[in-house]
Structures are given as C-alpha cells and as structure tokens.
Amino acid sequence: MIEKEVKSSGNSGRVYLPPDWVGRHVKIVRID
C-alpha cells in the first residue's frame, strides 16, 4: 500500500505513482 498526498494539477488533482505501476489497476481511497 502507498499513502500519498494529492497534488494540485490545473483544475483537478493528481497522485504520482511509481513508473512500474503504469498500466496497472489501482484503487484510490480517500481517508479524510
């Protein structure tokens, strides 16, 4: 599991993940 902070990206948010995660399916869970 990876815990990250969502960064601002234009008019939305973005989470940066490791490059070997590209093409994988992930689940994002908001905890606050």
N, C-alpha and C. Protein backbone atom coordinates (compact mmCIF):
# COMPACT_ATOMS: atom_id res chain seq x y z
N MET A 1 0.84 -1.18 0.00
CA MET A 1 0.00 0.00 0.00
C MET A 1 0.88 1.24 0.00
N ILE A 2 0.46 2.25 -0.73
CA ILE A 2 1.18 3.52 -0.76
C ILE A 2 0.24 4.61 -0.27
N GLU A 3 0.74 5.47 0.62
CA GLU A 3 -0.05 6.60 1.10
C GLU A 3 0.57 7.87 0.54
N LYS A 4 -0.23 8.66 -0.18
CA LYS A 4 0.28 9.86 -0.83
C LYS A 4 -0.66 11.03 -0.59
N GLU A 5 -0.16 12.24 -0.80
CA GLU A 5 -0.99 13.44 -0.77
C GLU A 5 -1.30 13.83 -2.21
N VAL A 6 -2.56 14.18 -2.46
CA VAL A 6 -2.97 14.59 -3.80
C VAL A 6 -2.44 15.99 -4.06
N LYS A 7 -1.77 16.18 -5.19
CA LYS A 7 -1.22 17.47 -5.57
C LYS A 7 -2.14 18.16 -6.56
N SER A 8 -2.15 19.48 -6.55
CA SER A 8 -2.96 20.24 -7.50
C SER A 8 -2.39 20.11 -8.90
N SER A 9 -3.28 19.96 -9.88
CA SER A 9 -2.87 19.83 -11.28
C SER A 9 -3.93 20.49 -12.14
N GLY A 10 -3.75 21.78 -12.45
CA GLY A 10 -4.75 22.51 -13.22
C GLY A 10 -6.01 22.66 -12.38
N ASN A 11 -7.15 22.19 -12.91
CA ASN A 11 -8.41 22.29 -12.17
C ASN A 11 -8.82 20.94 -11.56
N SER A 12 -7.83 20.06 -11.35
CA SER A 12 -8.11 18.76 -10.73
C SER A 12 -6.95 18.40 -9.81
N GLY A 13 -6.92 17.15 -9.38
CA GLY A 13 -5.84 16.69 -8.51
C GLY A 13 -5.10 15.54 -9.16
N ARG A 14 -3.92 15.28 -8.68
CA ARG A 14 -3.09 14.22 -9.27
C ARG A 14 -2.29 13.53 -8.16
N VAL A 15 -2.16 12.21 -8.31
CA VAL A 15 -1.33 11.42 -7.40
C VAL A 15 -0.24 10.76 -8.24
N TYR A 16 1.00 10.99 -7.88
CA TYR A 16 2.12 10.41 -8.62
C TYR A 16 2.46 9.05 -8.05
N LEU A 17 2.57 8.05 -8.92
CA LEU A 17 2.87 6.68 -8.52
C LEU A 17 4.15 6.21 -9.20
N PRO A 18 4.75 5.13 -8.69
CA PRO A 18 5.98 4.61 -9.30
C PRO A 18 5.77 4.24 -10.77
N PRO A 19 6.79 4.40 -11.60
CA PRO A 19 6.64 4.12 -13.04
C PRO A 19 6.29 2.67 -13.35
N ASP A 20 6.65 1.74 -12.48
CA ASP A 20 6.29 0.34 -12.74
C ASP A 20 4.82 0.05 -12.46
N TRP A 21 4.08 1.04 -11.97
CA TRP A 21 2.64 0.91 -11.76
C TRP A 21 1.85 1.30 -13.01
N VAL A 22 2.51 1.82 -14.02
CA VAL A 22 1.83 2.26 -15.24
C VAL A 22 1.15 1.08 -15.90
N GLY A 23 -0.12 1.25 -16.26
CA GLY A 23 -0.88 0.18 -16.89
C GLY A 23 -1.57 -0.75 -15.90
N ARG A 24 -1.35 -0.55 -14.61
CA ARG A 24 -1.98 -1.39 -13.59
C ARG A 24 -3.30 -0.77 -13.15
N HIS A 25 -4.15 -1.58 -12.56
CA HIS A 25 -5.39 -1.09 -11.98
C HIS A 25 -5.13 -0.79 -10.51
N VAL A 26 -5.58 0.39 -10.07
CA VAL A 26 -5.40 0.78 -8.67
C VAL A 26 -6.74 1.23 -8.09
N LYS A 27 -6.82 1.22 -6.77
CA LYS A 27 -7.98 1.74 -6.07
C LYS A 27 -7.51 2.91 -5.22
N ILE A 28 -8.25 4.01 -5.30
CA ILE A 28 -7.93 5.19 -4.50
C ILE A 28 -8.98 5.32 -3.41
N VAL A 29 -8.55 5.40 -2.15
CA VAL A 29 -9.46 5.54 -1.02
C VAL A 29 -9.15 6.85 -0.32
N ARG A 30 -10.16 7.72 -0.22
CA ARG A 30 -9.99 8.98 0.49
C ARG A 30 -10.16 8.73 1.98
N ILE A 31 -9.20 9.19 2.79
CA ILE A 31 -9.24 8.88 4.21
C ILE A 31 -9.48 10.11 5.08
N ASP A 32 -9.74 11.27 4.51
CA ASP A 32 -10.06 12.45 5.32
C ASP A 32 -11.18 13.25 4.73
